N, C-alpha and C. Protein backbone atom coordinates (compact mmCIF):
# COMPACT_ATOMS: atom_id res chain seq x y z
N MET A 1 -10.83 -245.60 85.52
CA MET A 1 -10.47 -246.14 86.82
C MET A 1 -11.75 -246.31 87.65
N THR A 2 -11.81 -247.39 88.37
CA THR A 2 -12.99 -247.67 89.18
C THR A 2 -12.85 -246.99 90.54
N PRO A 3 -13.97 -246.71 91.19
CA PRO A 3 -13.90 -246.14 92.54
C PRO A 3 -13.15 -247.05 93.51
N GLU A 4 -13.29 -248.37 93.34
CA GLU A 4 -12.59 -249.32 94.21
C GLU A 4 -11.09 -249.19 94.04
N LYS A 5 -10.64 -249.02 92.80
CA LYS A 5 -9.21 -248.87 92.52
C LYS A 5 -8.69 -247.56 93.13
N ASP A 6 -9.47 -246.48 93.01
CA ASP A 6 -9.10 -245.20 93.62
C ASP A 6 -8.96 -245.34 95.13
N ILE A 7 -9.90 -246.04 95.75
CA ILE A 7 -9.87 -246.24 97.20
C ILE A 7 -8.63 -247.04 97.59
N SER A 8 -8.35 -248.10 96.84
CA SER A 8 -7.19 -248.93 97.13
C SER A 8 -5.89 -248.14 97.01
N LEU A 9 -5.76 -247.35 95.95
CA LEU A 9 -4.55 -246.55 95.75
C LEU A 9 -4.44 -245.47 96.83
N SER A 10 -5.55 -244.88 97.22
CA SER A 10 -5.55 -243.87 98.29
C SER A 10 -5.08 -244.49 99.59
N ALA A 11 -5.52 -245.71 99.86
CA ALA A 11 -5.10 -246.41 101.08
C ALA A 11 -3.59 -246.67 101.05
N VAL A 12 -3.05 -247.00 99.88
CA VAL A 12 -1.60 -247.21 99.75
C VAL A 12 -0.86 -245.92 100.09
N VAL A 13 -1.30 -244.81 99.53
CA VAL A 13 -0.65 -243.52 99.79
C VAL A 13 -0.72 -243.18 101.27
N LEU A 14 -1.89 -243.35 101.88
CA LEU A 14 -2.04 -243.06 103.31
C LEU A 14 -1.13 -243.94 104.17
N THR A 15 -1.02 -245.20 103.82
CA THR A 15 -0.17 -246.13 104.58
C THR A 15 1.29 -245.71 104.49
N LEU A 16 1.74 -245.34 103.30
CA LEU A 16 3.13 -244.91 103.15
C LEU A 16 3.38 -243.57 103.85
N LEU A 17 2.42 -242.68 103.80
CA LEU A 17 2.57 -241.42 104.54
C LEU A 17 2.63 -241.68 106.04
N ALA A 18 1.87 -242.66 106.51
CA ALA A 18 1.94 -243.03 107.93
C ALA A 18 3.33 -243.53 108.27
N GLN A 19 3.90 -244.35 107.40
CA GLN A 19 5.26 -244.85 107.63
C GLN A 19 6.24 -243.68 107.70
N ALA A 20 6.08 -242.71 106.83
CA ALA A 20 6.97 -241.55 106.81
C ALA A 20 6.74 -240.63 108.00
N ALA A 21 5.53 -240.63 108.56
CA ALA A 21 5.22 -239.75 109.69
C ALA A 21 5.68 -240.32 111.02
N ASN A 22 6.03 -241.59 111.05
CA ASN A 22 6.60 -242.19 112.26
C ASN A 22 8.06 -241.80 112.38
N TYR A 23 8.61 -241.95 113.58
CA TYR A 23 10.03 -241.69 113.76
C TYR A 23 10.80 -242.64 112.85
N PRO A 24 11.77 -242.14 112.11
CA PRO A 24 12.50 -242.99 111.14
C PRO A 24 13.11 -244.23 111.79
N ASP A 25 13.04 -245.34 111.06
CA ASP A 25 13.64 -246.59 111.55
C ASP A 25 14.31 -247.31 110.39
N ALA A 26 14.94 -248.44 110.70
CA ALA A 26 15.67 -249.21 109.69
C ALA A 26 14.75 -249.68 108.56
N GLY A 27 13.50 -249.99 108.88
CA GLY A 27 12.56 -250.44 107.85
C GLY A 27 12.31 -249.37 106.80
N LEU A 28 12.13 -248.13 107.24
CA LEU A 28 11.93 -247.03 106.30
C LEU A 28 13.18 -246.85 105.43
N VAL A 29 14.34 -246.88 106.06
CA VAL A 29 15.59 -246.72 105.30
C VAL A 29 15.73 -247.84 104.28
N ASN A 30 15.44 -249.07 104.68
CA ASN A 30 15.51 -250.20 103.74
C ASN A 30 14.57 -250.00 102.56
N ASP A 31 13.35 -249.52 102.84
CA ASP A 31 12.37 -249.28 101.77
C ASP A 31 12.83 -248.15 100.84
N LEU A 32 13.51 -247.14 101.40
CA LEU A 32 14.02 -246.06 100.57
C LEU A 32 15.19 -246.53 99.70
N ILE A 33 16.12 -247.26 100.31
CA ILE A 33 17.31 -247.74 99.59
C ILE A 33 16.93 -248.73 98.49
N SER A 34 15.99 -249.62 98.78
CA SER A 34 15.59 -250.61 97.79
C SER A 34 14.77 -250.00 96.65
N GLY A 35 14.24 -248.81 96.89
CA GLY A 35 13.38 -248.17 95.91
C GLY A 35 11.92 -248.54 96.07
N ASP A 36 11.62 -249.46 96.98
CA ASP A 36 10.23 -249.90 97.18
C ASP A 36 9.31 -248.75 97.57
N PHE A 37 9.76 -247.90 98.47
CA PHE A 37 8.92 -246.78 98.93
C PHE A 37 8.57 -245.88 97.74
N ALA A 38 9.60 -245.43 97.01
CA ALA A 38 9.37 -244.52 95.89
C ALA A 38 8.54 -245.18 94.78
N THR A 39 8.84 -246.44 94.48
CA THR A 39 8.11 -247.14 93.42
C THR A 39 6.63 -247.27 93.77
N THR A 40 6.36 -247.67 95.00
CA THR A 40 4.97 -247.89 95.41
C THR A 40 4.18 -246.60 95.46
N ILE A 41 4.75 -245.57 96.08
CA ILE A 41 4.00 -244.32 96.19
C ILE A 41 3.88 -243.63 94.84
N THR A 42 4.90 -243.75 93.99
CA THR A 42 4.82 -243.16 92.64
C THR A 42 3.71 -243.83 91.85
N GLY A 43 3.67 -245.14 91.89
CA GLY A 43 2.62 -245.87 91.17
C GLY A 43 1.22 -245.51 91.66
N ALA A 44 1.07 -245.40 92.98
CA ALA A 44 -0.24 -245.05 93.53
C ALA A 44 -0.63 -243.63 93.13
N CYS A 45 0.31 -242.70 93.22
CA CYS A 45 0.02 -241.31 92.85
C CYS A 45 -0.32 -241.19 91.36
N GLU A 46 0.42 -241.90 90.52
CA GLU A 46 0.12 -241.88 89.09
C GLU A 46 -1.27 -242.46 88.83
N GLY A 47 -1.59 -243.55 89.52
CA GLY A 47 -2.90 -244.16 89.36
C GLY A 47 -4.03 -243.26 89.80
N LEU A 48 -3.75 -242.37 90.75
CA LEU A 48 -4.74 -241.40 91.23
C LEU A 48 -4.68 -240.09 90.46
N ASN A 49 -3.78 -240.03 89.48
CA ASN A 49 -3.59 -238.84 88.67
C ASN A 49 -3.10 -237.66 89.50
N ILE A 50 -2.28 -237.94 90.50
CA ILE A 50 -1.65 -236.89 91.30
C ILE A 50 -0.29 -236.62 90.67
N THR A 51 -0.28 -235.70 89.74
CA THR A 51 0.93 -235.46 88.95
C THR A 51 1.87 -234.45 89.60
N GLU A 52 1.37 -233.65 90.54
CA GLU A 52 2.19 -232.62 91.16
C GLU A 52 3.35 -233.21 91.96
N SER A 53 3.24 -234.45 92.37
CA SER A 53 4.26 -235.07 93.21
C SER A 53 5.38 -235.73 92.41
N ALA A 54 5.30 -235.74 91.10
CA ALA A 54 6.25 -236.50 90.28
C ALA A 54 7.69 -236.06 90.50
N VAL A 55 7.97 -234.76 90.52
CA VAL A 55 9.34 -234.27 90.68
C VAL A 55 9.87 -234.65 92.05
N ALA A 56 9.08 -234.46 93.09
CA ALA A 56 9.52 -234.80 94.45
C ALA A 56 9.78 -236.29 94.58
N LEU A 57 8.95 -237.11 93.96
CA LEU A 57 9.14 -238.55 94.05
C LEU A 57 10.37 -239.02 93.26
N ARG A 58 10.66 -238.37 92.14
CA ARG A 58 11.90 -238.68 91.40
C ARG A 58 13.11 -238.32 92.27
N THR A 59 13.03 -237.18 92.95
CA THR A 59 14.12 -236.76 93.83
C THR A 59 14.28 -237.75 94.97
N LEU A 60 13.19 -238.21 95.54
CA LEU A 60 13.24 -239.21 96.60
C LEU A 60 13.97 -240.45 96.12
N ARG A 61 13.63 -240.91 94.95
CA ARG A 61 14.26 -242.11 94.39
C ARG A 61 15.75 -241.89 94.16
N THR A 62 16.12 -240.80 93.51
CA THR A 62 17.53 -240.59 93.19
C THR A 62 18.37 -240.29 94.43
N THR A 63 17.75 -239.77 95.47
CA THR A 63 18.49 -239.45 96.69
C THR A 63 18.87 -240.70 97.46
N TYR A 64 17.99 -241.71 97.49
CA TYR A 64 18.20 -242.85 98.38
C TYR A 64 18.45 -244.19 97.69
N GLU A 65 17.87 -244.40 96.54
CA GLU A 65 17.92 -245.75 95.94
C GLU A 65 19.35 -246.21 95.70
N GLY A 66 19.62 -247.43 96.16
CA GLY A 66 20.90 -248.07 95.93
C GLY A 66 22.01 -247.71 96.90
N ARG A 67 21.75 -246.87 97.86
CA ARG A 67 22.80 -246.41 98.78
C ARG A 67 22.92 -247.34 100.00
N VAL A 68 23.07 -248.62 99.75
CA VAL A 68 23.13 -249.63 100.81
C VAL A 68 24.23 -249.34 101.81
N ALA A 69 25.39 -248.94 101.34
CA ALA A 69 26.53 -248.68 102.23
C ALA A 69 26.28 -247.49 103.15
N ASP A 70 25.33 -246.64 102.80
CA ASP A 70 25.04 -245.43 103.57
C ASP A 70 23.87 -245.60 104.53
N HIS A 71 23.45 -246.83 104.78
CA HIS A 71 22.25 -247.10 105.59
C HIS A 71 22.25 -246.32 106.90
N ASP A 72 23.30 -246.45 107.70
CA ASP A 72 23.33 -245.80 109.01
C ASP A 72 23.36 -244.28 108.89
N THR A 73 24.05 -243.77 107.90
CA THR A 73 24.11 -242.32 107.68
C THR A 73 22.74 -241.78 107.28
N ILE A 74 22.05 -242.50 106.41
CA ILE A 74 20.71 -242.10 105.99
C ILE A 74 19.77 -242.09 107.19
N LEU A 75 19.83 -243.14 108.00
CA LEU A 75 18.97 -243.20 109.18
C LEU A 75 19.23 -242.00 110.09
N LEU A 76 20.47 -241.71 110.36
CA LEU A 76 20.82 -240.58 111.22
C LEU A 76 20.33 -239.26 110.61
N ASP A 77 20.51 -239.09 109.31
CA ASP A 77 20.03 -237.87 108.64
C ASP A 77 18.51 -237.74 108.74
N LEU A 78 17.80 -238.84 108.54
CA LEU A 78 16.34 -238.81 108.65
C LEU A 78 15.89 -238.50 110.08
N GLU A 79 16.59 -239.08 111.05
CA GLU A 79 16.26 -238.80 112.46
C GLU A 79 16.48 -237.32 112.77
N ARG A 80 17.58 -236.76 112.28
CA ARG A 80 17.85 -235.33 112.51
C ARG A 80 16.76 -234.46 111.89
N GLU A 81 16.41 -234.76 110.65
CA GLU A 81 15.40 -233.96 109.96
C GLU A 81 14.03 -234.09 110.62
N TYR A 82 13.69 -235.29 111.04
CA TYR A 82 12.42 -235.51 111.74
C TYR A 82 12.38 -234.67 113.02
N THR A 83 13.47 -234.69 113.76
CA THR A 83 13.55 -233.91 115.01
C THR A 83 13.43 -232.43 114.71
N ARG A 84 14.11 -231.96 113.68
CA ARG A 84 14.04 -230.54 113.31
C ARG A 84 12.61 -230.14 112.95
N LEU A 85 11.98 -230.93 112.11
CA LEU A 85 10.63 -230.60 111.64
C LEU A 85 9.58 -230.70 112.73
N CYS A 86 9.68 -231.73 113.57
CA CYS A 86 8.60 -232.05 114.50
C CYS A 86 8.81 -231.53 115.92
N PHE A 87 10.05 -231.20 116.27
CA PHE A 87 10.30 -230.81 117.66
C PHE A 87 11.07 -229.50 117.80
N ALA A 88 12.08 -229.28 116.96
CA ALA A 88 12.99 -228.15 117.18
C ALA A 88 12.56 -226.87 116.47
N SER A 89 11.74 -226.96 115.46
CA SER A 89 11.37 -225.77 114.69
C SER A 89 10.44 -224.86 115.50
N LYS A 90 10.69 -223.58 115.40
CA LYS A 90 9.84 -222.57 116.05
C LYS A 90 9.47 -221.55 114.99
N PRO A 91 8.24 -221.40 114.58
CA PRO A 91 7.10 -222.22 114.99
C PRO A 91 7.23 -223.64 114.43
N ARG A 92 6.49 -224.54 115.02
CA ARG A 92 6.52 -225.94 114.63
C ARG A 92 6.15 -226.08 113.16
N LEU A 93 6.96 -226.81 112.40
CA LEU A 93 6.68 -227.04 110.99
C LEU A 93 5.75 -228.22 110.77
N VAL A 94 5.88 -229.25 111.61
CA VAL A 94 5.02 -230.43 111.52
C VAL A 94 4.49 -230.75 112.91
N TYR A 95 3.19 -230.80 113.03
CA TYR A 95 2.56 -231.18 114.29
C TYR A 95 2.28 -232.67 114.25
N LEU A 96 2.80 -233.39 115.22
CA LEU A 96 2.60 -234.84 115.25
C LEU A 96 1.26 -235.24 115.85
N PHE A 97 0.65 -234.36 116.61
CA PHE A 97 -0.59 -234.69 117.30
C PHE A 97 -1.67 -233.68 116.94
N GLU A 98 -2.84 -234.19 116.61
CA GLU A 98 -3.95 -233.32 116.26
C GLU A 98 -4.29 -232.35 117.38
N SER A 99 -4.25 -232.83 118.62
CA SER A 99 -4.61 -231.97 119.75
C SER A 99 -3.65 -230.79 119.90
N VAL A 100 -2.38 -231.01 119.65
CA VAL A 100 -1.41 -229.92 119.72
C VAL A 100 -1.67 -228.93 118.60
N TYR A 101 -1.98 -229.43 117.42
CA TYR A 101 -2.28 -228.56 116.28
C TYR A 101 -3.55 -227.76 116.53
N LYS A 102 -4.61 -228.42 116.97
CA LYS A 102 -5.91 -227.77 117.12
C LYS A 102 -6.05 -226.97 118.41
N GLU A 103 -5.52 -227.54 119.52
CA GLU A 103 -5.82 -226.95 120.83
C GLU A 103 -4.58 -226.49 121.59
N GLY A 104 -3.41 -226.71 121.01
CA GLY A 104 -2.20 -226.17 121.59
C GLY A 104 -1.49 -227.04 122.60
N LYS A 105 -2.08 -228.18 122.99
CA LYS A 105 -1.40 -229.09 123.90
C LYS A 105 -1.97 -230.50 123.76
N LEU A 106 -1.21 -231.45 124.30
CA LEU A 106 -1.58 -232.87 124.19
C LEU A 106 -2.81 -233.21 125.02
N LEU A 107 -3.44 -234.31 124.62
CA LEU A 107 -4.54 -234.92 125.37
C LEU A 107 -5.68 -233.95 125.64
N GLN A 108 -6.18 -233.37 124.57
CA GLN A 108 -7.32 -232.48 124.66
C GLN A 108 -8.54 -233.16 124.04
N ASP A 109 -9.61 -232.42 123.86
CA ASP A 109 -10.86 -232.99 123.33
C ASP A 109 -10.65 -233.75 122.02
N SER A 110 -9.84 -233.20 121.13
CA SER A 110 -9.65 -233.87 119.83
C SER A 110 -8.99 -235.24 119.99
N THR A 111 -8.17 -235.41 121.01
CA THR A 111 -7.55 -236.72 121.26
C THR A 111 -8.63 -237.76 121.53
N PHE A 112 -9.57 -237.41 122.37
CA PHE A 112 -10.63 -238.34 122.76
C PHE A 112 -11.66 -238.51 121.64
N GLN A 113 -11.88 -237.47 120.85
CA GLN A 113 -12.75 -237.61 119.68
C GLN A 113 -12.14 -238.59 118.68
N THR A 114 -10.83 -238.51 118.51
CA THR A 114 -10.13 -239.42 117.60
C THR A 114 -10.23 -240.85 118.11
N ALA A 115 -10.00 -241.04 119.39
CA ALA A 115 -10.10 -242.39 119.98
C ALA A 115 -11.51 -242.94 119.80
N ARG A 116 -12.51 -242.09 119.91
CA ARG A 116 -13.90 -242.52 119.74
C ARG A 116 -14.15 -242.96 118.28
N ILE A 117 -13.59 -242.23 117.33
CA ILE A 117 -13.73 -242.61 115.92
C ILE A 117 -13.12 -243.98 115.68
N TYR A 118 -11.94 -244.24 116.24
CA TYR A 118 -11.31 -245.55 116.10
C TYR A 118 -12.21 -246.64 116.67
N PHE A 119 -12.71 -246.39 117.87
CA PHE A 119 -13.55 -247.37 118.54
C PHE A 119 -14.79 -247.68 117.70
N GLU A 120 -15.44 -246.63 117.19
CA GLU A 120 -16.65 -246.81 116.39
C GLU A 120 -16.37 -247.54 115.07
N ALA A 121 -15.14 -247.42 114.57
CA ALA A 121 -14.75 -248.11 113.34
C ALA A 121 -14.26 -249.53 113.63
N GLY A 122 -14.21 -249.90 114.92
CA GLY A 122 -13.75 -251.23 115.29
C GLY A 122 -12.24 -251.35 115.37
N LEU A 123 -11.56 -250.22 115.48
CA LEU A 123 -10.10 -250.21 115.55
C LEU A 123 -9.63 -250.06 116.99
N LYS A 124 -8.46 -250.60 117.24
CA LYS A 124 -7.83 -250.45 118.55
C LYS A 124 -6.36 -250.18 118.33
N VAL A 125 -5.85 -249.13 118.96
CA VAL A 125 -4.43 -248.83 118.85
C VAL A 125 -3.67 -249.92 119.59
N ASP A 126 -2.63 -250.42 118.96
CA ASP A 126 -1.80 -251.48 119.54
C ASP A 126 -1.29 -251.06 120.92
N ASP A 127 -1.36 -251.98 121.88
CA ASP A 127 -0.92 -251.68 123.25
C ASP A 127 0.54 -251.27 123.32
N ALA A 128 1.35 -251.73 122.38
CA ALA A 128 2.77 -251.38 122.38
C ALA A 128 3.00 -249.93 121.96
N PHE A 129 2.01 -249.33 121.31
CA PHE A 129 2.11 -247.92 120.89
C PHE A 129 1.75 -247.05 122.08
N THR A 130 2.71 -246.31 122.57
CA THR A 130 2.51 -245.60 123.83
C THR A 130 2.16 -244.13 123.66
N LEU A 131 2.06 -243.65 122.45
CA LEU A 131 1.72 -242.26 122.22
C LEU A 131 0.19 -242.09 122.17
N PRO A 132 -0.29 -240.87 122.33
CA PRO A 132 -1.74 -240.64 122.23
C PRO A 132 -2.29 -241.06 120.86
N PRO A 133 -3.56 -241.41 120.79
CA PRO A 133 -4.15 -241.93 119.55
C PRO A 133 -4.29 -240.89 118.44
N ASP A 134 -4.05 -239.61 118.75
CA ASP A 134 -4.16 -238.60 117.71
C ASP A 134 -2.82 -238.30 117.04
N HIS A 135 -1.85 -239.23 117.18
CA HIS A 135 -0.57 -239.10 116.47
C HIS A 135 -0.87 -239.20 114.98
N ILE A 136 -0.22 -238.38 114.19
CA ILE A 136 -0.52 -238.30 112.76
C ILE A 136 -0.37 -239.65 112.05
N ALA A 137 0.63 -240.44 112.42
CA ALA A 137 0.83 -241.73 111.76
C ALA A 137 -0.34 -242.67 112.04
N VAL A 138 -0.84 -242.66 113.26
CA VAL A 138 -1.99 -243.51 113.61
C VAL A 138 -3.22 -243.04 112.85
N GLU A 139 -3.41 -241.74 112.77
CA GLU A 139 -4.57 -241.22 112.05
C GLU A 139 -4.51 -241.60 110.56
N LEU A 140 -3.33 -241.52 109.96
CA LEU A 140 -3.19 -241.90 108.55
C LEU A 140 -3.47 -243.38 108.34
N GLU A 141 -2.94 -244.22 109.23
CA GLU A 141 -3.20 -245.66 109.12
C GLU A 141 -4.69 -245.96 109.31
N ALA A 142 -5.33 -245.25 110.24
CA ALA A 142 -6.77 -245.46 110.45
C ALA A 142 -7.56 -245.07 109.22
N MET A 143 -7.20 -243.95 108.60
CA MET A 143 -7.89 -243.53 107.37
C MET A 143 -7.73 -244.58 106.28
N ALA A 144 -6.52 -245.13 106.15
CA ALA A 144 -6.29 -246.17 105.14
C ALA A 144 -7.18 -247.38 105.41
N TYR A 145 -7.25 -247.78 106.67
CA TYR A 145 -8.06 -248.94 107.05
C TYR A 145 -9.55 -248.67 106.78
N ILE A 146 -10.01 -247.51 107.17
CA ILE A 146 -11.43 -247.18 107.01
C ILE A 146 -11.81 -247.10 105.54
N LEU A 147 -10.87 -246.65 104.69
CA LEU A 147 -11.14 -246.57 103.26
C LEU A 147 -11.44 -247.93 102.65
N VAL A 148 -10.66 -248.94 103.08
CA VAL A 148 -10.84 -250.26 102.46
C VAL A 148 -11.74 -251.07 103.32
């Protein structure tokens, strides 16, 4: 495998993880039901020789693929789980913002350091995105962009 291929596959994994780290939406559910999400991330992980994820990715596929009639139920279940993991768990199981993880609250030094990294890489967070730039999904997308 070439270094370029590794970088490309890593960017795919980061992009999909960014999609999963955002609040669940119809697009994510469609990608899960169609099998596109599982197929793409499985292929990228296999290409990177990340074999530890194989069982979890098979479970992801069998849990969601083909369940078109359950679209709204799946979305609601994903929203509930996202809320539990990111907001309701004590202690927090998933930190959505680097500043909260590192410094205990929003909009701290790490937020501005992250924004500076984006600026220096020529990136700009979309104006429609109203959360701080150190949101995990934005950071994952930025890493994917910087890789390629």
